[in-house]
């Protein structure tokens, strides 16, 4: 999927990234729980979501709605 977009995509966050992001680390499976960010074209974080389980992840439709809303306010 990352080959089909025109922006950088990050993946593979580990324990060393947990504290930088303020994320939850799941010891049982050895993985970082989702830490999602919407960042504007200046690098400013517009909104974020930190999950500690399967609930609370960004949905593509919601991200599109937010982007459209922010554009309409310009």
C-alpha atoms as a PDB file:
ATOM      1  CA  UNK A   1       0.000   0.000   0.000  1.00  0.00           C
ATOM      2  CA  UNK A   2       2.789   2.456   0.846  1.00  0.00           C
ATOM      3  CA  UNK A   3       4.006   2.246  -2.756  1.00  0.00           C
ATOM      4  CA  UNK A   4       0.697   3.693  -3.966  1.00  0.00           C
ATOM      5  CA  UNK A   5       0.758   6.976  -1.983  1.00  0.00           C
ATOM      6  CA  UNK A   6       2.682  10.181  -2.491  1.00  0.00           C
ATOM      7  CA  UNK A   7       3.570  10.736   1.183  1.00  0.00           C
ATOM      8  CA  UNK A   8       5.791   8.949   3.705  1.00  0.00           C
ATOM      9  CA  UNK A   9       4.247   6.031   5.579  1.00  0.00           C
ATOM     10  CA  UNK A  10       5.708   4.824   8.865  1.00  0.00           C
ATOM     11  CA  UNK A  11       5.347   1.342  10.283  1.00  0.00           C
ATOM     12  CA  UNK A  12       7.175  -1.016  12.563  1.00  0.00           C
ATOM     13  CA  UNK A  13       7.142   1.089  15.739  1.00  0.00           C
ATOM     14  CA  UNK A  14       8.701  -0.700  18.676  1.00  0.00           C
ATOM     15  CA  UNK A  15       9.421  -0.150  22.346  1.00  0.00           C
ATOM     16  CA  UNK A  16      11.885   2.644  21.565  1.00  0.00           C
ATOM     17  CA  UNK A  17       9.037   4.625  19.960  1.00  0.00           C
ATOM     18  CA  UNK A  18       6.529   4.045  22.768  1.00  0.00           C
ATOM     19  CA  UNK A  19       7.811   6.779  25.067  1.00  0.00           C
ATOM     20  CA  UNK A  20       8.373   9.249  22.236  1.00  0.00           C
ATOM     21  CA  UNK A  21       4.722   8.930  21.202  1.00  0.00           C
ATOM     22  CA  UNK A  22       3.242   8.429  24.664  1.00  0.00           C
ATOM     23  CA  UNK A  23       1.708   5.166  23.469  1.00  0.00           C
ATOM     24  CA  UNK A  24       0.570   2.050  25.257  1.00  0.00           C
ATOM     25  CA  UNK A  25       2.788  -0.987  24.954  1.00  0.00           C
ATOM     26  CA  UNK A  26       1.250  -4.428  25.146  1.00  0.00           C
ATOM     27  CA  UNK A  27       3.714  -6.744  26.854  1.00  0.00           C
ATOM     28  CA  UNK A  28       1.743  -9.922  26.151  1.00  0.00           C
ATOM     29  CA  UNK A  29       2.108  -9.621  22.372  1.00  0.00           C
ATOM     30  CA  UNK A  30       5.126  -7.284  22.347  1.00  0.00           C
ATOM     31  CA  UNK A  31       3.516  -4.527  20.310  1.00  0.00           C
ATOM     32  CA  UNK A  32       2.644  -0.877  20.433  1.00  0.00           C
ATOM     33  CA  UNK A  33      -1.053  -0.053  20.438  1.00  0.00           C
ATOM     34  CA  UNK A  34      -2.185   2.381  17.727  1.00  0.00           C
ATOM     35  CA  UNK A  35      -1.112   5.997  18.026  1.00  0.00           C
ATOM     36  CA  UNK A  36      -2.690   7.847  15.123  1.00  0.00           C
ATOM     37  CA  UNK A  37      -2.152  11.433  14.055  1.00  0.00           C
ATOM     38  CA  UNK A  38      -3.594  13.811  11.486  1.00  0.00           C
ATOM     39  CA  UNK A  39      -0.879  16.270  10.561  1.00  0.00           C
ATOM     40  CA  UNK A  40      -1.346  19.373   8.428  1.00  0.00           C
ATOM     41  CA  UNK A  41       0.949  20.483   5.622  1.00  0.00           C
ATOM     42  CA  UNK A  42       3.097  22.494   8.069  1.00  0.00           C
ATOM     43  CA  UNK A  43       3.746  19.468  10.290  1.00  0.00           C
ATOM     44  CA  UNK A  44       1.324  20.551  13.044  1.00  0.00           C
ATOM     45  CA  UNK A  45      -0.654  17.757  14.732  1.00  0.00           C
ATOM     46  CA  UNK A  46      -4.343  18.571  14.163  1.00  0.00           C
ATOM     47  CA  UNK A  47      -5.732  15.647  16.147  1.00  0.00           C
ATOM     48  CA  UNK A  48      -4.539  12.376  17.581  1.00  0.00           C
ATOM     49  CA  UNK A  49      -5.898   9.096  18.865  1.00  0.00           C
ATOM     50  CA  UNK A  50      -4.232   6.772  21.334  1.00  0.00           C
ATOM     51  CA  UNK A  51      -5.725   3.298  21.713  1.00  0.00           C
ATOM     52  CA  UNK A  52      -5.221   0.745  24.448  1.00  0.00           C
ATOM     53  CA  UNK A  53      -7.192  -1.924  22.618  1.00  0.00           C
ATOM     54  CA  UNK A  54      -9.319  -2.577  19.534  1.00  0.00           C
ATOM     55  CA  UNK A  55     -11.606   0.466  19.965  1.00  0.00           C
ATOM     56  CA  UNK A  56     -10.733   4.021  18.970  1.00  0.00           C
ATOM     57  CA  UNK A  57      -8.984   3.774  15.643  1.00  0.00           C
ATOM     58  CA  UNK A  58      -9.414   6.364  12.905  1.00  0.00           C
ATOM     59  CA  UNK A  59     -11.847   5.420  10.174  1.00  0.00           C
ATOM     60  CA  UNK A  60     -10.986   6.639   6.676  1.00  0.00           C
ATOM     61  CA  UNK A  61     -14.405   8.277   6.255  1.00  0.00           C
ATOM     62  CA  UNK A  62     -13.928  10.283   9.462  1.00  0.00           C
ATOM     63  CA  UNK A  63     -10.484  11.475   8.394  1.00  0.00           C
ATOM     64  CA  UNK A  64     -11.914  12.624   5.055  1.00  0.00           C
ATOM     65  CA  UNK A  65     -14.751  14.466   6.838  1.00  0.00           C
ATOM     66  CA  UNK A  66     -12.266  16.211   9.128  1.00  0.00           C
ATOM     67  CA  UNK A  67     -10.013  17.197   6.214  1.00  0.00           C
ATOM     68  CA  UNK A  68     -12.988  18.596   4.318  1.00  0.00           C
ATOM     69  CA  UNK A  69     -14.168  20.481   7.414  1.00  0.00           C
ATOM     70  CA  UNK A  70     -10.731  22.008   8.002  1.00  0.00           C
ATOM     71  CA  UNK A  71     -10.451  23.008   4.350  1.00  0.00           C
ATOM     72  CA  UNK A  72     -13.880  24.687   4.501  1.00  0.00           C
ATOM     73  CA  UNK A  73     -12.685  26.831   7.445  1.00  0.00           C
ATOM     74  CA  UNK A  74      -9.748  28.308   5.478  1.00  0.00           C
END
